[in-house]
């Protein structure tokens, strides 16, 4: 069963440096956040077949951004737990970090991108 699921999965996503993200995000005046949101959710959807995908994820972020703070860790949890049977380091409730201005967003991103990087690396992606 596991071999069948693994063979049906799409391409592994890219790992991303958290420090580089913050640098590019500041230089682009937060525009890179939109790029990150699209790419991350598209990679998760292509790999797992689960989730909202890039376009819908970006629209959700533009219209009601707080929802993204819950969706992305939920999709990561699905890959860890439902696809691989591992305990996920993040879950939907990780989104509650968005309540804390600035620092909460930083903590959320570091936790989420770190979990995603570890997952992609376990599937053969190079480190960021």
C-alpha atoms as a PDB file:
ATOM      1  CA  UNK A   1       0.000   0.000   0.000  1.00  0.00           C
ATOM      2  CA  UNK A   2       2.751   2.470   0.924  1.00  0.00           C
ATOM      3  CA  UNK A   3       4.692   1.731  -2.274  1.00  0.00           C
ATOM      4  CA  UNK A   4       1.555   2.398  -4.308  1.00  0.00           C
ATOM      5  CA  UNK A   5       0.986   5.737  -2.582  1.00  0.00           C
ATOM      6  CA  UNK A   6       4.628   6.717  -3.034  1.00  0.00           C
ATOM      7  CA  UNK A   7       4.534   5.932  -6.742  1.00  0.00           C
ATOM      8  CA  UNK A   8       1.463   8.128  -7.183  1.00  0.00           C
ATOM      9  CA  UNK A   9       3.073  11.189  -5.623  1.00  0.00           C
ATOM     10  CA  UNK A  10       4.233  14.107  -7.708  1.00  0.00           C
ATOM     11  CA  UNK A  11       7.578  15.908  -7.788  1.00  0.00           C
ATOM     12  CA  UNK A  12       9.272  16.861  -4.532  1.00  0.00           C
ATOM     13  CA  UNK A  13       9.091  20.563  -3.641  1.00  0.00           C
ATOM     14  CA  UNK A  14      11.981  22.958  -3.131  1.00  0.00           C
ATOM     15  CA  UNK A  15      13.593  23.743   0.188  1.00  0.00           C
ATOM     16  CA  UNK A  16      13.877  27.441   0.976  1.00  0.00           C
ATOM     17  CA  UNK A  17      16.171  29.398   3.272  1.00  0.00           C
ATOM     18  CA  UNK A  18      14.281  31.265   5.980  1.00  0.00           C
ATOM     19  CA  UNK A  19      16.962  33.972   6.176  1.00  0.00           C
ATOM     20  CA  UNK A  20      16.930  34.502   2.409  1.00  0.00           C
ATOM     21  CA  UNK A  21      13.130  34.642   2.479  1.00  0.00           C
ATOM     22  CA  UNK A  22      13.151  37.497   5.018  1.00  0.00           C
ATOM     23  CA  UNK A  23      15.849  39.351   3.064  1.00  0.00           C
ATOM     24  CA  UNK A  24      14.027  39.065  -0.284  1.00  0.00           C
ATOM     25  CA  UNK A  25      10.714  39.877   1.391  1.00  0.00           C
ATOM     26  CA  UNK A  26      12.121  43.115   2.820  1.00  0.00           C
ATOM     27  CA  UNK A  27      13.778  44.107  -0.466  1.00  0.00           C
ATOM     28  CA  UNK A  28      10.568  43.472  -2.441  1.00  0.00           C
ATOM     29  CA  UNK A  29       8.436  45.217   0.196  1.00  0.00           C
ATOM     30  CA  UNK A  30       6.533  42.019   1.083  1.00  0.00           C
ATOM     31  CA  UNK A  31       5.746  41.087  -2.543  1.00  0.00           C
ATOM     32  CA  UNK A  32       7.814  37.902  -2.175  1.00  0.00           C
ATOM     33  CA  UNK A  33       5.292  36.666   0.403  1.00  0.00           C
ATOM     34  CA  UNK A  34       2.794  36.296  -2.444  1.00  0.00           C
ATOM     35  CA  UNK A  35       5.344  34.346  -4.508  1.00  0.00           C
ATOM     36  CA  UNK A  36       6.171  32.093  -1.537  1.00  0.00           C
ATOM     37  CA  UNK A  37       2.472  31.455  -0.860  1.00  0.00           C
ATOM     38  CA  UNK A  38       1.804  30.460  -4.459  1.00  0.00           C
ATOM     39  CA  UNK A  39       4.910  28.273  -4.856  1.00  0.00           C
ATOM     40  CA  UNK A  40       4.575  26.507  -1.523  1.00  0.00           C
ATOM     41  CA  UNK A  41       0.919  25.605  -1.918  1.00  0.00           C
ATOM     42  CA  UNK A  42       1.414  24.569  -5.547  1.00  0.00           C
ATOM     43  CA  UNK A  43       4.321  22.258  -4.628  1.00  0.00           C
ATOM     44  CA  UNK A  44       2.324  20.655  -1.815  1.00  0.00           C
ATOM     45  CA  UNK A  45      -0.653  20.085  -4.127  1.00  0.00           C
ATOM     46  CA  UNK A  46       1.514  18.641  -6.929  1.00  0.00           C
ATOM     47  CA  UNK A  47       3.339  16.317  -4.534  1.00  0.00           C
ATOM     48  CA  UNK A  48       0.501  15.085  -2.332  1.00  0.00           C
ATOM     49  CA  UNK A  49      -2.575  15.613  -4.483  1.00  0.00           C
ATOM     50  CA  UNK A  50      -4.044  17.323  -1.420  1.00  0.00           C
ATOM     51  CA  UNK A  51      -4.529  20.976  -0.621  1.00  0.00           C
ATOM     52  CA  UNK A  52      -5.780  24.085  -2.333  1.00  0.00           C
ATOM     53  CA  UNK A  53      -2.924  24.576  -4.798  1.00  0.00           C
ATOM     54  CA  UNK A  54      -1.108  27.714  -5.840  1.00  0.00           C
ATOM     55  CA  UNK A  55      -3.786  29.802  -7.516  1.00  0.00           C
ATOM     56  CA  UNK A  56      -6.532  29.150  -4.957  1.00  0.00           C
ATOM     57  CA  UNK A  57      -4.001  29.499  -2.128  1.00  0.00           C
ATOM     58  CA  UNK A  58      -2.880  32.864  -3.457  1.00  0.00           C
ATOM     59  CA  UNK A  59      -6.468  34.088  -3.837  1.00  0.00           C
ATOM     60  CA  UNK A  60      -7.218  33.015  -0.257  1.00  0.00           C
ATOM     61  CA  UNK A  61      -4.089  34.826   0.935  1.00  0.00           C
ATOM     62  CA  UNK A  62      -5.034  38.012  -0.922  1.00  0.00           C
ATOM     63  CA  UNK A  63      -8.665  38.013   0.245  1.00  0.00           C
ATOM     64  CA  UNK A  64      -8.445  36.552   3.772  1.00  0.00           C
ATOM     65  CA  UNK A  65      -4.757  36.092   4.591  1.00  0.00           C
ATOM     66  CA  UNK A  66      -5.219  34.776   8.157  1.00  0.00           C
ATOM     67  CA  UNK A  67      -6.736  31.590   6.713  1.00  0.00           C
ATOM     68  CA  UNK A  68      -3.397  30.815   5.022  1.00  0.00           C
ATOM     69  CA  UNK A  69      -1.755  30.598   8.451  1.00  0.00           C
ATOM     70  CA  UNK A  70      -3.963  27.565   9.145  1.00  0.00           C
ATOM     71  CA  UNK A  71      -4.118  25.989   5.676  1.00  0.00           C
ATOM     72  CA  UNK A  72      -0.396  25.617   4.984  1.00  0.00           C
ATOM     73  CA  UNK A  73       0.506  23.822   8.242  1.00  0.00           C
ATOM     74  CA  UNK A  74      -2.579  21.605   7.818  1.00  0.00           C
ATOM     75  CA  UNK A  75      -1.380  20.579   4.370  1.00  0.00           C
ATOM     76  CA  UNK A  76       2.105  19.870   5.743  1.00  0.00           C
ATOM     77  CA  UNK A  77       0.570  17.802   8.546  1.00  0.00           C
ATOM     78  CA  UNK A  78      -1.285  15.749   5.944  1.00  0.00           C
ATOM     79  CA  UNK A  79       1.979  14.889   4.173  1.00  0.00           C
ATOM     80  CA  UNK A  80       3.768  13.939   7.387  1.00  0.00           C
ATOM     81  CA  UNK A  81       0.986  11.975   9.050  1.00  0.00           C
ATOM     82  CA  UNK A  82      -1.379  10.711   6.373  1.00  0.00           C
ATOM     83  CA  UNK A  83       1.151  10.000   3.630  1.00  0.00           C
ATOM     84  CA  UNK A  84       4.177   8.955   5.701  1.00  0.00           C
ATOM     85  CA  UNK A  85       2.772   7.915   9.087  1.00  0.00           C
ATOM     86  CA  UNK A  86       5.117  10.288  10.949  1.00  0.00           C
ATOM     87  CA  UNK A  87       4.296  12.824  13.636  1.00  0.00           C
ATOM     88  CA  UNK A  88       4.067  16.284  12.102  1.00  0.00           C
ATOM     89  CA  UNK A  89       5.943  19.185  13.708  1.00  0.00           C
ATOM     90  CA  UNK A  90       3.165  21.570  12.593  1.00  0.00           C
ATOM     91  CA  UNK A  91      -0.625  21.404  12.319  1.00  0.00           C
ATOM     92  CA  UNK A  92      -3.530  23.738  11.700  1.00  0.00           C
ATOM     93  CA  UNK A  93      -3.338  25.239  15.186  1.00  0.00           C
ATOM     94  CA  UNK A  94       0.161  26.495  14.367  1.00  0.00           C
ATOM     95  CA  UNK A  95      -1.785  29.249  12.605  1.00  0.00           C
ATOM     96  CA  UNK A  96      -2.609  30.819  15.952  1.00  0.00           C
ATOM     97  CA  UNK A  97       0.862  32.405  15.884  1.00  0.00           C
ATOM     98  CA  UNK A  98      -0.574  35.016  13.499  1.00  0.00           C
ATOM     99  CA  UNK A  99      -2.338  36.622  16.487  1.00  0.00           C
ATOM    100  CA  UNK A 100       0.991  38.025  17.713  1.00  0.00           C
ATOM    101  CA  UNK A 101       1.995  40.947  15.482  1.00  0.00           C
ATOM    102  CA  UNK A 102       5.359  40.618  13.715  1.00  0.00           C
ATOM    103  CA  UNK A 103       7.025  38.107  16.075  1.00  0.00           C
ATOM    104  CA  UNK A 104       4.161  35.626  15.675  1.00  0.00           C
ATOM    105  CA  UNK A 105       4.460  35.799  11.900  1.00  0.00           C
ATOM    106  CA  UNK A 106       8.212  35.189  12.126  1.00  0.00           C
ATOM    107  CA  UNK A 107       7.771  32.231  14.499  1.00  0.00           C
ATOM    108  CA  UNK A 108       5.042  30.804  12.248  1.00  0.00           C
ATOM    109  CA  UNK A 109       7.181  31.076   9.125  1.00  0.00           C
ATOM    110  CA  UNK A 110      10.280  29.554  10.757  1.00  0.00           C
ATOM    111  CA  UNK A 111       8.224  26.621  12.114  1.00  0.00           C
ATOM    112  CA  UNK A 112       6.332  26.025   8.863  1.00  0.00           C
ATOM    113  CA  UNK A 113       9.242  26.443   6.451  1.00  0.00           C
ATOM    114  CA  UNK A 114      11.476  24.366   8.731  1.00  0.00           C
ATOM    115  CA  UNK A 115       8.953  21.507   8.765  1.00  0.00           C
ATOM    116  CA  UNK A 116       8.517  21.749   5.012  1.00  0.00           C
ATOM    117  CA  UNK A 117      12.296  21.824   4.417  1.00  0.00           C
ATOM    118  CA  UNK A 118      12.784  18.720   6.566  1.00  0.00           C
ATOM    119  CA  UNK A 119       9.975  16.938   4.735  1.00  0.00           C
ATOM    120  CA  UNK A 120      11.315  17.766   1.260  1.00  0.00           C
ATOM    121  CA  UNK A 121      14.851  16.796   2.326  1.00  0.00           C
ATOM    122  CA  UNK A 122      13.552  13.421   3.555  1.00  0.00           C
ATOM    123  CA  UNK A 123      12.270  12.921  -0.007  1.00  0.00           C
ATOM    124  CA  UNK A 124      15.614  13.777  -1.607  1.00  0.00           C
ATOM    125  CA  UNK A 125      15.540  17.566  -2.026  1.00  0.00           C
ATOM    126  CA  UNK A 126      18.842  19.352  -1.345  1.00  0.00           C
ATOM    127  CA  UNK A 127      19.116  21.523   1.772  1.00  0.00           C
ATOM    128  CA  UNK A 128      18.393  25.232   1.313  1.00  0.00           C
END
